[in-house]
C-alpha cells in the first residue's frame, strides 16, 4: 500500500544557529566594506588613481547590497507558518537578484568613467597606493574564504553571493594594483594603465554577477542541481534492511532549508503499518545524518512480486 508520510517541523535549534551565523557574517561584511570603501576612496583621490576610486565604488556597492541582505535575511529566516508552510527562504533568492542588479549598475558606472579617463590625459598615480591595494587584496581574500565557508556550512545562496562580493573586490583590487604598477614603473605614456585596470575590474564584476545570479535563478525554478545530496540521500535510504530500492528523489532548496521528496520501494506484501514504520525510520535516519535537511516527505511504493524480499 502507498503511504505518504507527513513532514515534521524543522529543528528550532538548528534554525537558530543558521540565523546567528548568517546575520553575524553579513553584519561583519557590511562593516568591513564600509571601512574599505572610505579608505580606498580617500587613497584613490589623494593618490590620483581612478582604479582605486572604482574599487571604492565596488566596495560601497557591496556594503549597500549587504545591508539589503541583512534586512532581507531577517525575513527569509523566519520559521514556517500557516501561510508559508515551506518557510520564507525564497526571499533570499529574490534578494540575490537585487544584489546582482547593484553589481551590474556599479560595473556600468565604473566602465563609463574608465573610458572617459582613458580619453583624458592625466597624471600618473602615486606609488604608495600600491601598499593600500596590497593590504586590501589580502583582507578581502581572507573575507571571501571565511564567508564562503559560512555559506557552505549553512548552504545559504545569499551568503555564497556575499562571499563572491569579497572575491570580486579582491580581484578588482588586484587589477588596480597591476594597472597602477604598470603606470608607475613604465612612466610617461602609461598613465592610462590605471584606467584600463578599472575597466577590467568592471568586466570581472559582471562575470561575478552572473555566477551568483545563476544558482539563485535555479533555486526559484526548483532546478535539480543538488546531485551530490540526492546520491547521499539514496545511499542512506538504501541501507535500511526493508528498503529494496529508491525511485524518485527530489530536493527543493528554500533559502537555507532543504526539503526532500523521496519514493521508497518495499515488499508489496507488507502491511500499511509496517510500511509506515519503515518510512519513519528512514526519515529519522536521514534527518539525523544530514542536518541540512529541514523536512523529508516519503512515499512508499510496493515492489513487483519478483523483486519482493520478505523480512
Foldseek 3Di string as FASTA:
>chain_A
DKDKDDKDFFDPVVLVVLLVLVLVLLVVLLVVLVVQLVVLCVLCVVQVFVLSPLLSLLSVLLNVLSVVLNVQSVQLSDGADPVRNVGNQLSLLVSLVVSLVSLLVSLVVLQVVLVVVLVDDDDQGDPCVLVSLVVLLVVLLVSLVVLCVSCVVLVFLNSNLSSVSSVLSSQSSVLLSVQSVCCVPVDPPSRSSSSVSSNVSSVSSNVSSVVSNVVSVCLVVQNQPPVVVQVVLQVLLCPPPFFLGWDDWGWHDRGSEIEIETETEGAQPDDPVVQNVSVVVSQVSCCVVPVSHRIYIYIYDYDDVVSHDDD
